[in-house]
Each structure stands twice: as C-alpha cells, then as structure tokens.
C-alpha atoms as a PDB file:
ATOM      1  CA  MET A   1       3.266   5.820  24.029  1.00  0.00           C
ATOM      2  CA  GLN A   2       3.958   4.858  20.296  1.00  0.00           C
ATOM      3  CA  ARG A   3       2.494   6.986  17.451  1.00  0.00           C
ATOM      4  CA  GLN A   4      -0.467   6.014  15.602  1.00  0.00           C
ATOM      5  CA  VAL A   5      -0.391   7.064  12.159  1.00  0.00           C
ATOM      6  CA  LEU A   6      -3.521   6.962   9.499  1.00  0.00           C
ATOM      7  CA  LEU A   7      -2.398   6.606   5.921  1.00  0.00           C
ATOM      8  CA  ILE A   8      -5.026   7.626   3.384  1.00  0.00           C
ATOM      9  CA  ALA A   9      -4.464   6.680  -0.541  1.00  0.00           C
ATOM     10  CA  SER A  10      -6.611   6.827  -3.595  1.00  0.00           C
ATOM     11  CA  SER A  11      -6.985   4.682  -6.578  1.00  0.00           C
ATOM     12  CA  VAL A  12      -6.536   7.615  -8.964  1.00  0.00           C
ATOM     13  CA  GLU A  13      -3.345   9.477  -9.428  1.00  0.00           C
ATOM     14  CA  SER A  14      -2.783  11.404  -6.107  1.00  0.00           C
ATOM     15  CA  ASN A  15      -0.807  11.459  -2.929  1.00  0.00           C
ATOM     16  CA  ILE A  16      -0.588   9.097   0.178  1.00  0.00           C
ATOM     17  CA  VAL A  17      -1.342  11.298   3.241  1.00  0.00           C
ATOM     18  CA  ALA A  18       0.018  10.486   6.650  1.00  0.00           C
ATOM     19  CA  TRP A  19      -2.143  11.802   9.684  1.00  0.00           C
ATOM     20  CA  ASP A  20      -1.224  11.753  13.664  1.00  0.00           C
ATOM     21  CA  LEU A  21      -4.291  10.007  14.986  1.00  0.00           C
ATOM     22  CA  HIS A  22      -3.675  11.245  18.450  1.00  0.00           C
ATOM     23  CA  THR A  23      -3.176  15.209  17.412  1.00  0.00           C
ATOM     24  CA  GLY A  24      -5.214  15.056  14.171  1.00  0.00           C
ATOM     25  CA  THR A  25      -2.180  16.743  12.503  1.00  0.00           C
ATOM     26  CA  GLN A  26      -1.124  15.911   9.007  1.00  0.00           C
ATOM     27  CA  LEU A  27       2.609  14.516   9.108  1.00  0.00           C
ATOM     28  CA  THR A  28       3.569  14.260   5.607  1.00  0.00           C
ATOM     29  CA  VAL A  29       2.403  13.513   1.900  1.00  0.00           C
ATOM     30  CA  TYR A  30       3.926  10.991  -0.171  1.00  0.00           C
ATOM     31  CA  LYS A  31       3.881  11.601  -3.712  1.00  0.00           C
ATOM     32  CA  SER A  32       2.879   9.966  -7.042  1.00  0.00           C
ATOM     33  CA  ASN A  33       0.883   7.312  -6.112  1.00  0.00           C
ATOM     34  CA  ALA A  34      -2.503   5.451  -7.266  1.00  0.00           C
ATOM     35  CA  SER A  35      -3.268   2.296  -5.373  1.00  0.00           C
ATOM     36  CA  PRO A  36      -5.897  -0.074  -5.352  1.00  0.00           C
ATOM     37  CA  ARG A  37      -8.151  -1.063  -2.073  1.00  0.00           C
ATOM     38  CA  ASN A  38      -5.945  -3.039   0.026  1.00  0.00           C
ATOM     39  CA  GLY A  39      -2.927  -1.778  -2.140  1.00  0.00           C
ATOM     40  CA  LEU A  40      -0.986   0.160   0.570  1.00  0.00           C
ATOM     41  CA  CYS A  41       0.952  -1.404   3.590  1.00  0.00           C
ATOM     42  CA  CYS A  42       3.768  -0.925   6.052  1.00  0.00           C
ATOM     43  CA  LEU A  43       6.892  -2.848   5.119  1.00  0.00           C
ATOM     44  CA  GLY A  44       8.884  -3.302   8.365  1.00  0.00           C
ATOM     45  CA  PRO A  45       9.129  -0.349  10.507  1.00  0.00           C
ATOM     46  CA  ASP A  46      10.841   2.011   7.978  1.00  0.00           C
ATOM     47  CA  TYR A  47       9.066   1.482   4.881  1.00  0.00           C
ATOM     48  CA  LEU A  48       5.730   1.899   2.969  1.00  0.00           C
ATOM     49  CA  VAL A  49       4.706  -0.199  -0.186  1.00  0.00           C
ATOM     50  CA  ALA A  50       1.744   0.623  -2.550  1.00  0.00           C
ATOM     51  CA  ALA A  51       0.699  -1.424  -5.537  1.00  0.00           C
ATOM     52  CA  GLN A  52      -0.052   0.737  -8.368  1.00  0.00           C
ATOM     53  CA  SER A  53      -3.546   0.520  -9.902  1.00  0.00           C
ATOM     54  CA  ASN A  54      -2.372   2.196 -13.151  1.00  0.00           C
ATOM     55  CA  LYS A  55       0.879   0.057 -13.758  1.00  0.00           C
ATOM     56  CA  ASP A  56       2.348  -3.385 -13.176  1.00  0.00           C
ATOM     57  CA  ALA A  57       4.405  -2.016 -10.469  1.00  0.00           C
ATOM     58  CA  PHE A  58       5.022  -1.342  -6.598  1.00  0.00           C
ATOM     59  CA  GLN A  59       6.318   1.952  -5.254  1.00  0.00           C
ATOM     60  CA  PHE A  60       8.610   2.110  -2.100  1.00  0.00           C
ATOM     61  CA  TRP A  61       8.818   5.117   0.313  1.00  0.00           C
ATOM     62  CA  THR A  62      10.665   5.624   3.648  1.00  0.00           C
ATOM     63  CA  TRP A  63       8.784   7.289   6.228  1.00  0.00           C
ATOM     64  CA  HIS A  64      10.990  10.481   6.116  1.00  0.00           C
ATOM     65  CA  LYS A  65      11.181  11.141   2.387  1.00  0.00           C
ATOM     66  CA  ASP A  66       8.036  12.306   0.226  1.00  0.00           C
ATOM     67  CA  GLN A  67       9.388  11.093  -3.199  1.00  0.00           C
ATOM     68  CA  PRO A  68       9.299   7.174  -3.985  1.00  0.00           C
ATOM     69  CA  LEU A  69      12.475   5.416  -3.266  1.00  0.00           C
ATOM     70  CA  GLN A  70      12.411   2.879  -5.547  1.00  0.00           C
ATOM     71  CA  ARG A  71       9.844   1.285  -8.227  1.00  0.00           C
ATOM     72  CA  SER A  72       9.682  -2.527  -8.806  1.00  0.00           C
ATOM     73  CA  PHE A  73       7.706  -3.950 -11.872  1.00  0.00           C
ATOM     74  CA  VAL A  74       5.751  -7.222 -11.469  1.00  0.00           C
ATOM     75  CA  MET A  75       4.222  -9.756 -13.904  1.00  0.00           C
ATOM     76  CA  GLU A  76       0.778  -8.275 -13.548  1.00  0.00           C
ATOM     77  CA  ARG A  77      -1.192  -5.319 -12.102  1.00  0.00           C
ATOM     78  CA  PRO A  78      -1.341  -6.163  -8.106  1.00  0.00           C
ATOM     79  CA  THR A  79      -4.764  -5.687  -6.675  1.00  0.00           C
ATOM     80  CA  ALA A  80      -3.789  -6.382  -2.978  1.00  0.00           C
ATOM     81  CA  VAL A  81      -0.575  -6.025  -1.064  1.00  0.00           C
ATOM     82  CA  ALA A  82       0.617  -7.206   2.458  1.00  0.00           C
ATOM     83  CA  ALA A  83       3.823  -7.514   4.286  1.00  0.00           C
ATOM     84  CA  SER A  84       4.895  -9.664   7.213  1.00  0.00           C
ATOM     85  CA  SER A  85       5.172  -7.834  10.525  1.00  0.00           C
ATOM     86  CA  CYS A  86       8.855  -8.163  10.313  1.00  0.00           C
ATOM     87  CA  GLY A  87       9.147  -6.963   6.880  1.00  0.00           C
ATOM     88  CA  THR A  88      10.903 -10.323   5.665  1.00  0.00           C
ATOM     89  CA  TYR A  89       8.212 -11.258   3.162  1.00  0.00           C
ATOM     90  CA  LEU A  90       5.988  -9.267   0.807  1.00  0.00           C
ATOM     91  CA  ALA A  91       2.695 -10.971  -0.709  1.00  0.00           C
ATOM     92  CA  ALA A  92       0.605  -9.579  -3.561  1.00  0.00           C
ATOM     93  CA  GLY A  93      -2.342 -10.753  -5.510  1.00  0.00           C
ATOM     94  CA  GLY A  94      -3.484 -10.096  -9.177  1.00  0.00           C
ATOM     95  CA  ALA A  95      -6.634  -9.797 -11.003  1.00  0.00           C
ATOM     96  CA  SER A  96      -5.930 -13.289 -12.393  1.00  0.00           C
ATOM     97  CA  GLY A  97      -6.262 -15.036  -9.040  1.00  0.00           C
ATOM     98  CA  THR A  98      -2.412 -15.373  -9.006  1.00  0.00           C
ATOM     99  CA  LEU A  99      -0.639 -14.926  -5.810  1.00  0.00           C
ATOM    100  CA  TYR A 100       3.032 -13.676  -5.546  1.00  0.00           C
ATOM    101  CA  LEU A 101       5.499 -14.038  -2.505  1.00  0.00           C
ATOM    102  CA  TRP A 102       9.019 -12.192  -2.294  1.00  0.00           C
ATOM    103  CA  GLU A 103      11.848 -12.099   0.177  1.00  0.00           C
ATOM    104  CA  VAL A 104      12.167  -8.551   0.516  1.00  0.00           C
ATOM    105  CA  ALA A 105      15.963  -8.235   1.326  1.00  0.00           C
ATOM    106  CA  SER A 106      16.896 -10.027  -1.818  1.00  0.00           C
ATOM    107  CA  GLY A 107      13.919  -8.909  -4.020  1.00  0.00           C
ATOM    108  CA  ARG A 108      13.814 -12.571  -5.022  1.00  0.00           C
ATOM    109  CA  LEU A 109      10.336 -14.020  -6.065  1.00  0.00           C
ATOM    110  CA  LEU A 110       9.852 -16.939  -3.604  1.00  0.00           C
ATOM    111  CA  ARG A 111       6.640 -18.475  -4.986  1.00  0.00           C
ATOM    112  CA  THR A 112       3.849 -17.959  -7.344  1.00  0.00           C
ATOM    113  CA  TRP A 113       0.510 -19.951  -7.385  1.00  0.00           C
ATOM    114  CA  HIS A 114      -2.996 -19.693  -8.261  1.00  0.00           C
ATOM    115  CA  GLY A 115      -4.932 -19.060  -5.335  1.00  0.00           C
ATOM    116  CA  HIS A 116      -8.235 -17.980  -6.713  1.00  0.00           C
ATOM    117  CA  TYR A 117     -10.565 -18.201  -9.473  1.00  0.00           C
ATOM    118  CA  LYS A 118     -11.213 -14.428  -9.984  1.00  0.00           C
ATOM    119  CA  GLY A 119      -9.269 -11.643  -8.567  1.00  0.00           C
ATOM    120  CA  VAL A 120      -7.276 -11.318  -5.201  1.00  0.00           C
ATOM    121  CA  SER A 121      -9.103  -8.790  -3.051  1.00  0.00           C
ATOM    122  CA  CYS A 122      -7.246  -8.877   0.192  1.00  0.00           C
ATOM    123  CA  LEU A 123      -4.044 -10.401   1.847  1.00  0.00           C
ATOM    124  CA  ALA A 124      -2.937 -10.564   5.373  1.00  0.00           C
ATOM    125  CA  PHE A 125      -0.099 -12.193   7.236  1.00  0.00           C
ATOM    126  CA  GLN A 126      -0.877 -14.011  10.690  1.00  0.00           C
ATOM    127  CA  GLU A 127       1.320 -11.984  13.445  1.00  0.00           C
ATOM    128  CA  GLY A 128       4.349 -14.307  13.351  1.00  0.00           C
ATOM    129  CA  GLY A 129       4.627 -13.897   9.456  1.00  0.00           C
ATOM    130  CA  LEU A 130       4.454 -17.653   8.810  1.00  0.00           C
ATOM    131  CA  VAL A 131       0.893 -17.947   7.568  1.00  0.00           C
ATOM    132  CA  LEU A 132      -0.716 -15.864   4.773  1.00  0.00           C
ATOM    133  CA  LEU A 133      -4.677 -15.589   4.433  1.00  0.00           C
ATOM    134  CA  THR A 134      -5.890 -14.460   0.934  1.00  0.00           C
ATOM    135  CA  GLY A 135      -9.469 -13.308  -0.072  1.00  0.00           C
ATOM    136  CA  GLY A 136     -10.915 -13.244  -3.482  1.00  0.00           C
ATOM    137  CA  GLU A 137     -13.591 -11.843  -5.611  1.00  0.00           C
ATOM    138  CA  ASP A 138     -14.542 -15.785  -5.952  1.00  0.00           C
ATOM    139  CA  THR A 139     -15.701 -15.348  -2.243  1.00  0.00           C
ATOM    140  CA  LEU A 140     -13.048 -17.768  -0.952  1.00  0.00           C
ATOM    141  CA  VAL A 141     -10.580 -17.261   1.836  1.00  0.00           C
ATOM    142  CA  ASN A 142      -7.549 -19.397   1.735  1.00  0.00           C
ATOM    143  CA  VAL A 143      -4.720 -19.871   4.332  1.00  0.00           C
END
C-alpha cells in the first residue's frame, strides 16, 4: 500500500508539516515557508514546490531534506501553483490574472498569458498533464 501524506502549510512565515494519514504520525517539517492558499504542490515523485506569499518566488524541497533545496524568483508574487503529475510542467498564476507555464527540467518559461481579469485562485492539471484548468477571483474557469 502506498503511503498517503497530508501536507499542512501557512500563509504566514512558518513550516510545512508532513503527516502520515494512516498512522497519524508526523513525518517531517520543512522549514522557511509562507505559501498562499493553493500555493503548495508535489512536483513529480521527489519534490515539493511552494509559492511564497511574502516574496516573488518559489521554494523547492526534496522529500528527505527539511531545508529548501532551491529558490527561484518570478515576475510577480504567485497566488496559486500546480504541477503536472509526471513533474514535467509547473504552472503558476498571479494577482494580475497572468498565468505562467515552465518546463521543469530546463527551468525555461514556455508561455505567459492573461487568463483572468482578477487574480488567479486555483490551478489543476488534467491527469495526463496536457490540459491546465484555471480558476480566478473573476469567477471564471478556463481550460
């Protein structure tokens, strides 16, 4: 049986805490984080990524290390983040309604586009990773 993990984060400077859902035990604490709602996701099977609510940046962790592995700075403060299930693509949205899509392996920004009239509030990739769904404070859902 595959382990199910619950990740808990806060929008104020705090830690990300990982809990084992089956046993209820705390697995680890990832340090130095302040991520907005919908600002934390798994990046493939080995990494976590969190948009930072107090900086125009992402932080990346590996599952086995509590300190951030890398910090990447972006054009505007991200309000939501999602990764494709295979970890190939990372998408983010900002308060301006702009959407961003990166290729994870190279770090290359593939596309930027205006998807919402107000801030982006949630993102999700379809299971195959080829379709991105976006939701915004403008009450629109885009595919």
